[in-house]
Amino acid sequence: MFFDEAKIYVKAGDGGNGVVAFRREAHVPRGGPSGGNGGKGGDVYLEADPQHNTLIQFSQQIHFRAPNGAHGRGKNQTGAQGEDLILRVPIGTVAYDDATGELLADLTVASQRALVARGGRGGRGNHAFKSPTNQAPRIAENGEPGEARWLRLELKLLADIGIIGVPNAGKSTLLARVSAARPKIADYPFTTLEPNLGVVLIDQRDLVLADIPGLIEGAHAGAGLGHAFLRHIERTRGLIHLLNGLSPDPLGDYEAVNQELRLFNPQLAAKPQVVALNKLDLPEVRARWPELARQLRTAGVTEPLAISAATGEGVPQLLRRAADLLAEAPSPIAAEVAAVPAARPGAISLEDKSFTITREPDAAYRVRGAYIERIVKMTRWEYYDAVMRFQRILEALGITEALRQRGIRAGDTVRIGEFELEWSD
């Protein structure tokens, strides 16, 4: 089975907690605060690795967590940073945020790396809160939670030329004829259940060909095997469109396959094609070729070819035409890499301090906002100074006034993220 899709959960490490500590050394009166900061949590990266060919490694394990940062210590000692977690994937892997569909990474070059979940920063110890007006602060922060998300991974093969056509057109036979690839070959539709790659050398030029499972009407919507494999054509720079010489209507097959390409992705139909009728070794196919060539030219195919993948007749000319096509076609990979930088996705902006307030069925007030939810997680509630600092943040953001305008009273419940607080004036 060809594993070209996977869904995995990644969780970056949480930051370590800051601590409250004071210097307690002989002959050092009023030593002051010495609580160190927590260490940053480990990040989660995807890295393109040429030694991986499929996503099979994610069929057994789907949850991945980076280590947390260590807690701070006294004497201003900062906690150790959590080690980054690197998940190695095949070249050609595309990563999406499963919840939003956002494209996070497109890894097309060996060793290319993308950050898909950032570790939380370490909480500050009380030494960081020292000021001229508060020289002995009893306050520290919890570490920031690391980012977490479900990723949808898709593998798109990196091939120069995709061989497309209806089932049983002879695509696998052609690939076996021109390369060392040995795909399964039989005289019935859907023999090819997964894409196959083969390397071809023609006139000192090398090509990578991909044999794509046959396309039928409705493939763009999931009919047959097409929907699962159409994306493998997206990376190719050109197409060999192979027609079945024994089909009752080869021209109709040609138009149907192109229609499926247009419906799935209009850019696929715009890729340059070399169109060839296969099975020329059969007398009935050879007899009908002149008329079919005329029909194809009428349909807009400038130079249709006829070949026999079984005997090799016409195959060198087909490969030379494909090589010439590549010389003129631009590479889509460079454009994709430029358009999709391997950078941090979905980060919380510290500038966005907006919030909303709603009432829940039990009459509790629910405050939502990325910034305030982050602050409430990092607050050390066991320290009075930390609670007072959180109260000042609520006032500075305008949340306190907004709750009063909504009619909040002493004893009412306020929920922020996973925390439930009791309102008091």
Protein backbone atom coordinates (compact mmCIF):
# COMPACT_ATOMS: atom_id res chain seq x y z
CA MET A 1 0.00 0.00 0.00
CA PHE A 2 1.27 3.46 -0.91
CA PHE A 3 1.01 5.76 2.13
CA ASP A 4 0.70 9.26 0.70
CA GLU A 5 -1.66 10.73 3.31
CA ALA A 6 -1.46 11.00 7.09
CA LYS A 7 -3.06 12.87 9.95
CA ILE A 8 -0.92 13.53 13.00
CA TYR A 9 -1.10 15.52 16.24
CA VAL A 10 1.88 17.67 17.18
CA LYS A 11 2.37 19.42 20.51
CA ALA A 12 5.28 21.73 21.18
CA GLY A 13 6.82 21.78 24.64
CA ASP A 14 5.48 24.05 27.36
CA GLY A 15 7.79 26.65 28.80
CA GLY A 16 9.21 25.97 32.25
CA ASN A 17 7.84 27.89 35.22
CA GLY A 18 9.64 30.83 36.76
CA VAL A 19 10.30 30.64 40.49
CA VAL A 20 10.20 32.92 43.50
CA ALA A 21 13.51 32.82 45.39
CA PHE A 22 15.70 35.16 47.44
CA ARG A 23 19.41 35.12 48.10
CA ARG A 24 20.15 33.56 51.46
CA GLU A 25 23.91 33.81 51.89
CA ALA A 26 26.03 34.67 54.84
CA HIS A 27 27.24 38.26 54.91
CA VAL A 28 24.79 39.27 52.15
CA PRO A 29 22.00 41.19 53.91
CA ARG A 30 18.87 41.87 51.90
CA GLY A 31 20.21 39.79 49.01
CA GLY A 32 17.17 40.47 46.89
CA PRO A 33 15.15 38.30 44.48
CA SER A 34 17.04 35.53 42.68
CA GLY A 35 14.32 33.44 41.07
CA GLY A 36 15.34 32.31 37.58
CA ASN A 37 13.23 32.09 34.43
CA GLY A 38 11.90 28.84 33.04
CA GLY A 39 13.38 27.37 29.86
CA LYS A 40 11.65 27.57 26.49
CA GLY A 41 9.71 24.50 25.35
CA GLY A 42 10.93 22.51 22.36
CA ASP A 43 9.66 23.35 18.86
CA VAL A 44 8.23 20.81 16.40
CA TYR A 45 9.66 20.80 12.87
CA LEU A 46 8.99 18.88 9.68
CA GLU A 47 12.12 18.15 7.66
CA ALA A 48 12.34 16.78 4.11
CA ASP A 49 14.43 13.62 4.11
CA PRO A 50 15.37 11.85 0.84
CA GLN A 51 15.64 8.54 2.71
CA HIS A 52 11.86 8.50 3.22
CA ASN A 53 9.63 7.68 0.25
CA THR A 54 6.17 7.43 1.86
CA LEU A 55 4.35 8.54 5.00
CA ILE A 56 4.12 4.99 6.33
CA GLN A 57 5.96 5.89 9.54
CA PHE A 58 2.84 7.80 10.63
CA SER A 59 0.54 4.80 10.25
CA GLN A 60 1.56 3.43 13.66
CA GLN A 61 2.25 6.58 15.70
CA ILE A 62 0.22 9.75 15.26
CA HIS A 63 0.88 11.72 18.47
CA PHE A 64 4.15 13.62 18.81
CA ARG A 65 5.20 15.87 21.68
CA ALA A 66 8.33 17.95 22.10
CA PRO A 67 9.91 18.10 25.59
CA ASN A 68 8.94 20.88 27.98
CA GLY A 69 11.40 23.47 29.19
CA ALA A 70 12.85 23.00 32.67
CA HIS A 71 11.71 25.19 35.56
CA GLY A 72 13.87 28.05 36.73
CA ARG A 73 15.89 27.76 39.93
CA GLY A 74 17.30 29.99 42.60
CA LYS A 75 20.49 32.00 42.13
CA ASN A 76 19.00 33.37 38.89
CA GLN A 77 19.42 30.04 37.14
CA THR A 78 17.38 29.75 33.94
CA GLY A 79 15.83 26.37 33.22
CA ALA A 80 17.16 24.28 30.34
CA GLN A 81 15.43 24.64 26.98
CA GLY A 82 13.35 21.70 25.77
CA GLU A 83 14.92 19.80 22.87
CA ASP A 84 13.34 20.42 19.47
CA LEU A 85 11.40 17.55 17.90
CA ILE A 86 12.18 16.94 14.21
CA LEU A 87 9.78 14.76 12.20
CA ARG A 88 11.36 13.56 8.97
CA VAL A 89 9.06 13.28 5.97
CA PRO A 90 9.55 12.52 2.26
CA ILE A 91 10.52 15.26 -0.17
CA GLY A 92 7.30 16.53 -1.70
CA THR A 93 5.30 16.53 1.54
CA VAL A 94 2.69 19.24 2.00
CA ALA A 95 1.38 20.04 5.50
CA TYR A 96 -1.99 21.63 6.28
CA ASP A 97 -3.61 22.68 9.53
CA ASP A 98 -6.40 20.12 9.70
CA ALA A 99 -8.78 22.43 11.55
CA THR A 100 -8.48 25.46 9.27
CA GLY A 101 -7.11 24.02 6.03
CA GLU A 102 -4.26 26.57 6.16
CA LEU A 103 -1.19 25.57 4.15
CA LEU A 104 1.68 25.43 6.62
CA ALA A 105 4.60 23.94 4.70
CA ASP A 106 5.56 22.65 1.26
CA LEU A 107 8.81 20.71 1.46
CA THR A 108 10.34 20.22 -1.97
CA VAL A 109 14.08 20.32 -1.26
CA ALA A 110 16.21 17.90 0.77
CA SER A 111 16.80 19.13 4.35
CA GLN A 112 14.19 21.89 3.97
CA ARG A 113 12.64 22.44 7.38
CA ALA A 114 9.34 23.96 8.50
CA LEU A 115 8.27 25.00 11.98
CA VAL A 116 4.76 23.65 12.58
CA ALA A 117 4.40 24.14 16.36
CA ARG A 118 6.40 26.57 18.47
CA GLY A 119 7.37 25.84 22.05
CA GLY A 120 6.10 28.14 24.77
CA ARG A 121 8.46 30.68 26.30
CA GLY A 122 9.61 30.14 29.84
CA GLY A 123 7.83 31.96 32.65
CA ARG A 124 9.71 34.74 34.34
CA GLY A 125 11.06 34.36 37.84
CA ASN A 126 10.73 37.04 40.51
CA HIS A 127 14.12 38.52 39.63
CA ALA A 128 12.57 39.75 36.36
CA PHE A 129 9.89 41.69 38.27
CA LYS A 130 12.29 43.63 40.49
CA SER A 131 11.84 47.40 40.26
CA PRO A 132 12.79 50.48 42.28
CA THR A 133 9.35 50.46 43.89
CA ASN A 134 9.18 46.71 44.45
CA GLN A 135 12.57 45.37 45.37
CA ALA A 136 11.30 42.10 46.87
CA PRO A 137 8.57 40.90 44.48
CA ARG A 138 6.80 37.68 45.32
CA ILE A 139 5.63 36.99 41.82
CA ALA A 140 6.52 34.56 39.03
CA GLU A 141 4.94 33.25 35.86
CA ASN A 142 4.00 29.82 34.65
CA GLY A 143 5.56 28.79 31.39
CA GLU A 144 3.65 29.56 28.21
CA PRO A 145 1.86 26.49 26.76
CA GLY A 146 3.37 25.18 23.54
CA GLU A 147 1.35 25.31 20.35
CA ALA A 148 -0.63 22.20 19.43
CA ARG A 149 -2.47 21.24 16.26
CA TRP A 150 -3.58 18.37 14.08
CA LEU A 151 -1.68 18.26 10.80
CA ARG A 152 -2.87 16.78 7.53
CA LEU A 153 0.10 15.58 5.50
CA GLU A 154 -0.05 14.86 1.78
CA LEU A 155 2.75 13.52 -0.39
CA LYS A 156 3.00 14.81 -3.94
CA LEU A 157 5.49 12.89 -6.05
CA LEU A 158 8.29 14.88 -7.65
CA ALA A 159 8.34 13.79 -11.30
CA ASP A 160 9.17 15.60 -14.54
CA ILE A 161 6.48 13.92 -16.63
CA GLY A 162 3.21 12.34 -15.53
CA ILE A 163 1.77 9.53 -17.66
CA ILE A 164 -1.99 9.88 -17.68
CA GLY A 165 -4.87 8.22 -19.47
CA VAL A 166 -7.90 6.01 -18.97
CA PRO A 167 -7.50 2.63 -17.24
CA ASN A 168 -5.77 -0.05 -19.32
CA ALA A 169 -4.25 2.45 -21.76
CA GLY A 170 -0.80 0.90 -21.24
CA LYS A 171 0.77 3.45 -18.90
CA SER A 172 2.49 0.85 -16.72
CA THR A 173 3.70 -1.05 -19.79
CA LEU A 174 5.27 2.13 -21.13
CA LEU A 175 7.00 2.88 -17.81
CA ALA A 176 8.35 -0.67 -17.63
CA ARG A 177 9.58 -0.42 -21.23
CA VAL A 178 11.59 2.78 -20.76
CA SER A 179 12.87 2.43 -17.18
CA ALA A 180 13.89 -0.05 -14.53
CA ALA A 181 10.53 0.35 -12.77
CA ARG A 182 8.50 -2.84 -12.58
CA PRO A 183 4.88 -1.87 -11.95
CA LYS A 184 2.15 -4.48 -11.88
CA ILE A 185 0.82 -5.07 -15.39
CA ALA A 186 -2.35 -6.95 -16.36
CA ASP A 187 -5.10 -6.74 -18.97
CA TYR A 188 -7.83 -5.26 -16.80
CA PRO A 189 -8.70 -1.78 -15.53
CA PHE A 190 -7.10 -0.36 -12.37
CA THR A 191 -4.09 -2.67 -12.42
CA THR A 192 -2.11 0.28 -11.07
CA LEU A 193 -3.30 1.01 -7.54
CA GLU A 194 -0.50 3.40 -6.62
CA PRO A 195 1.82 5.79 -8.49
CA ASN A 196 5.10 4.40 -9.81
CA LEU A 197 8.27 6.33 -10.60
CA GLY A 198 10.87 5.50 -13.24
CA VAL A 199 14.03 7.25 -14.43
CA VAL A 200 14.61 7.41 -18.19
CA LEU A 201 17.78 8.37 -20.10
CA ILE A 202 17.26 9.64 -23.65
CA ASP A 203 19.92 11.46 -25.71
CA GLN A 204 22.00 12.14 -22.55
CA ARG A 205 18.97 13.72 -20.92
CA ASP A 206 17.34 12.11 -17.89
CA LEU A 207 13.61 12.25 -17.14
CA VAL A 208 11.63 11.12 -14.12
CA LEU A 209 8.31 9.62 -15.21
CA ALA A 210 5.32 8.94 -12.95
CA ASP A 211 2.73 6.35 -13.90
CA ILE A 212 -0.55 7.70 -12.48
CA PRO A 213 -3.51 5.33 -11.91
CA GLY A 214 -6.14 5.55 -14.63
CA LEU A 215 -8.64 8.39 -14.65
CA ILE A 216 -12.34 7.94 -15.34
CA GLU A 217 -15.27 10.31 -15.56
CA GLY A 218 -15.93 11.73 -12.10
CA ALA A 219 -12.35 11.23 -10.91
CA HIS A 220 -12.15 14.83 -9.67
CA ALA A 221 -15.03 14.05 -7.28
CA GLY A 222 -13.55 10.78 -6.06
CA ALA A 223 -14.80 8.26 -8.60
CA GLY A 224 -12.51 5.34 -9.36
CA LEU A 225 -8.96 5.91 -8.15
CA GLY A 226 -8.43 9.37 -9.59
CA HIS A 227 -9.20 11.62 -6.65
CA ALA A 228 -6.55 9.99 -4.47
CA PHE A 229 -3.79 10.41 -7.04
CA LEU A 230 -4.62 13.48 -9.13
CA ARG A 231 -2.49 15.62 -6.81
CA HIS A 232 0.62 13.68 -7.88
CA ILE A 233 0.29 15.31 -11.31
CA GLU A 234 0.40 18.80 -9.80
CA ARG A 235 4.18 18.75 -9.39
CA THR A 236 4.93 17.56 -12.93
CA ARG A 237 6.12 19.96 -15.60
CA GLY A 238 4.42 18.11 -18.44
CA LEU A 239 2.20 15.15 -19.25
CA ILE A 240 2.25 12.17 -21.58
CA HIS A 241 -1.38 11.52 -22.42
CA LEU A 242 -1.62 7.89 -23.48
CA LEU A 243 -4.69 6.75 -25.43
CA ASN A 244 -5.94 3.16 -25.61
CA GLY A 245 -5.87 2.11 -29.25
CA LEU A 246 -8.52 -0.56 -28.57
CA SER A 247 -10.97 1.89 -26.97
CA PRO A 248 -14.26 2.36 -28.87
CA ASP A 249 -13.72 6.13 -28.68
CA PRO A 250 -10.09 7.22 -28.03
CA LEU A 251 -10.95 10.85 -28.82
CA GLY A 252 -13.76 10.77 -26.26
CA ASP A 253 -11.34 9.31 -23.70
CA TYR A 254 -8.89 12.13 -24.44
CA GLU A 255 -11.53 14.79 -23.87
CA ALA A 256 -12.91 13.08 -20.73
CA VAL A 257 -9.50 12.88 -19.03
CA ASN A 258 -8.74 16.53 -19.82
CA GLN A 259 -12.14 17.49 -18.45
CA GLU A 260 -11.32 15.73 -15.17
CA LEU A 261 -8.02 17.62 -14.99
CA ARG A 262 -9.82 20.93 -15.46
CA LEU A 263 -12.41 20.14 -12.79
CA PHE A 264 -9.79 19.05 -10.25
CA ASN A 265 -7.38 21.91 -10.90
CA PRO A 266 -7.48 24.16 -13.99
CA GLN A 267 -3.69 24.44 -13.87
CA LEU A 268 -3.38 20.71 -14.59
CA ALA A 269 -5.23 21.03 -17.87
CA ALA A 270 -2.91 23.89 -18.83
CA LYS A 271 0.22 21.73 -18.53
CA PRO A 272 1.81 20.88 -21.90
CA GLN A 273 0.94 17.40 -23.15
CA VAL A 274 2.41 14.90 -25.57
CA VAL A 275 -0.50 12.82 -26.89
CA ALA A 276 0.22 9.29 -28.09
CA LEU A 277 -2.00 6.40 -29.22
CA ASN A 278 -0.80 3.10 -27.77
CA LYS A 279 -0.99 -0.53 -28.99
CA LEU A 280 0.15 0.18 -32.53
CA ASP A 281 1.43 -3.43 -32.69
CA LEU A 282 -2.18 -4.61 -33.11
CA PRO A 283 -3.36 -4.63 -36.78
CA GLU A 284 -6.77 -3.10 -36.03
CA VAL A 285 -5.15 -0.20 -34.15
CA ARG A 286 -2.64 0.42 -36.95
CA ALA A 287 -5.49 0.46 -39.47
CA ARG A 288 -7.50 3.09 -37.58
CA TRP A 289 -4.52 5.32 -36.72
CA PRO A 290 -4.67 7.66 -39.78
CA GLU A 291 -8.29 8.56 -39.07
CA LEU A 292 -7.66 8.96 -35.35
CA ALA A 293 -4.65 11.20 -36.08
CA ARG A 294 -6.87 13.41 -38.22
CA GLN A 295 -9.50 13.62 -35.45
CA LEU A 296 -6.91 14.51 -32.84
CA ARG A 297 -5.49 17.30 -35.00
CA THR A 298 -9.02 18.63 -35.45
CA ALA A 299 -9.40 18.56 -31.65
CA GLY A 300 -6.30 20.75 -31.28
CA VAL A 301 -3.47 18.21 -30.85
CA THR A 302 -0.73 19.53 -33.12
CA GLU A 303 1.48 16.45 -33.46
CA PRO A 304 -0.18 13.26 -32.19
CA LEU A 305 2.07 10.22 -31.99
CA ALA A 306 1.44 6.49 -32.27
CA ILE A 307 3.48 3.97 -30.29
CA SER A 308 3.58 0.40 -29.09
CA ALA A 309 4.62 0.19 -25.46
CA ALA A 310 4.76 -3.58 -25.83
CA THR A 311 7.29 -3.64 -28.72
CA GLY A 312 8.93 -0.23 -28.27
CA GLU A 313 7.86 1.10 -31.67
CA GLY A 314 7.70 4.91 -31.61
CA VAL A 315 8.75 5.09 -27.95
CA PRO A 316 12.12 6.86 -28.54
CA GLN A 317 10.33 9.58 -30.51
CA LEU A 318 7.82 9.96 -27.69
CA LEU A 319 10.57 10.36 -25.10
CA ARG A 320 12.45 12.89 -27.22
CA ARG A 321 9.26 14.90 -27.59
CA ALA A 322 8.77 14.76 -23.81
CA ALA A 323 12.38 15.87 -23.22
CA ASP A 324 11.93 18.80 -25.62
CA LEU A 325 8.75 19.72 -23.80
CA LEU A 326 10.64 19.85 -20.48
CA ALA A 327 13.30 22.11 -21.95
CA GLU A 328 10.61 24.72 -22.60
CA ALA A 329 8.40 24.20 -19.54
CA PRO A 330 9.15 26.17 -16.33
CA SER A 331 9.63 24.35 -13.07
CA PRO A 332 6.63 24.78 -10.76
CA ILE A 333 8.66 23.85 -7.68
CA ALA A 334 10.60 27.11 -7.43
CA ALA A 335 7.39 29.12 -7.56
CA GLU A 336 5.79 26.96 -4.87
CA VAL A 337 8.76 27.28 -2.53
CA ALA A 338 8.78 31.06 -2.95
CA ALA A 339 5.02 31.28 -2.37
CA VAL A 340 5.01 29.03 0.72
CA PRO A 341 7.90 29.88 3.04
CA ALA A 342 8.71 27.33 5.69
CA ALA A 343 7.87 29.64 8.57
CA ARG A 344 5.95 29.68 11.79
CA PRO A 345 2.18 29.43 11.16
CA GLY A 346 -0.71 30.64 13.23
CA ALA A 347 1.30 32.41 15.92
CA ILE A 348 -0.53 34.44 18.53
CA SER A 349 0.12 38.12 17.94
CA LEU A 350 1.08 39.92 21.13
CA GLU A 351 -0.31 43.08 19.56
CA ASP A 352 -3.82 41.62 19.21
CA LYS A 353 -5.38 42.19 22.61
CA SER A 354 -8.99 42.10 21.48
CA PHE A 355 -11.56 40.16 23.46
CA THR A 356 -15.23 39.24 23.52
CA ILE A 357 -17.63 38.68 26.42
CA THR A 358 -20.64 36.37 26.28
CA ARG A 359 -23.06 34.87 28.81
CA GLU A 360 -23.18 31.11 29.18
CA PRO A 361 -26.31 29.04 29.97
CA ASP A 362 -25.49 28.99 33.69
CA ALA A 363 -25.23 32.83 33.67
CA ALA A 364 -21.43 32.78 33.92
CA TYR A 365 -19.46 35.36 31.94
CA ARG A 366 -17.13 33.92 29.27
CA VAL A 367 -14.18 36.12 28.24
CA ARG A 368 -12.46 35.06 25.01
CA GLY A 369 -9.27 36.45 23.53
CA ALA A 370 -5.95 34.89 22.59
CA TYR A 371 -3.91 37.38 24.62
CA ILE A 372 -5.87 37.26 27.87
CA GLU A 373 -6.19 33.45 27.67
CA ARG A 374 -2.42 33.24 27.38
CA ILE A 375 -1.98 35.54 30.39
CA VAL A 376 -4.37 33.57 32.59
CA LYS A 377 -2.48 30.33 31.88
CA MET A 378 0.81 31.93 32.87
CA THR A 379 -0.44 33.47 36.12
CA ARG A 380 0.81 31.84 39.35
CA TRP A 381 -2.36 32.06 41.44
CA GLU A 382 -0.63 31.04 44.67
CA TYR A 383 1.17 34.39 44.82
CA TYR A 384 -0.79 37.47 45.89
CA ASP A 385 1.40 39.78 43.79
CA ALA A 386 0.67 37.67 40.69
CA VAL A 387 -3.08 37.90 41.30
CA MET A 388 -2.84 41.67 41.65
CA ARG A 389 -0.82 41.89 38.44
CA PHE A 390 -3.51 39.89 36.62
CA GLN A 391 -6.14 42.30 38.00
CA ARG A 392 -4.18 45.26 36.62
CA ILE A 393 -3.96 43.57 33.20
CA LEU A 394 -7.74 43.11 33.15
CA GLU A 395 -8.17 46.82 33.84
CA ALA A 396 -5.59 47.86 31.25
CA LEU A 397 -7.25 45.77 28.54
CA GLY A 398 -10.67 47.21 29.35
CA ILE A 399 -12.09 43.85 30.41
CA THR A 400 -12.96 45.04 33.93
CA GLU A 401 -14.98 47.98 32.63
CA ALA A 402 -16.64 45.85 29.95
CA LEU A 403 -17.78 43.31 32.55
CA ARG A 404 -19.19 46.07 34.74
CA GLN A 405 -21.13 47.45 31.79
CA ARG A 406 -22.56 43.98 31.26
CA GLY A 407 -23.88 44.07 34.82
CA ILE A 408 -21.47 41.77 36.64
CA ARG A 409 -21.83 41.57 40.42
CA ALA A 410 -19.74 40.26 43.29
CA GLY A 411 -19.86 36.48 43.42
CA ASP A 412 -20.54 36.04 39.68
CA THR A 413 -18.44 33.51 37.77
CA VAL A 414 -16.00 34.59 35.06
CA ARG A 415 -14.45 31.97 32.79
CA ILE A 416 -11.28 32.67 30.82
CA GLY A 417 -9.87 29.74 28.88
CA GLU A 418 -9.80 26.74 31.22
CA PHE A 419 -9.95 28.88 34.36
CA GLU A 420 -13.01 29.80 36.42
CA LEU A 421 -12.78 32.89 38.61
CA GLU A 422 -15.12 34.54 41.08
CA TRP A 423 -15.75 38.25 40.60
CA SER A 424 -15.02 40.55 43.50
CA ASP A 425 -14.87 44.32 43.69
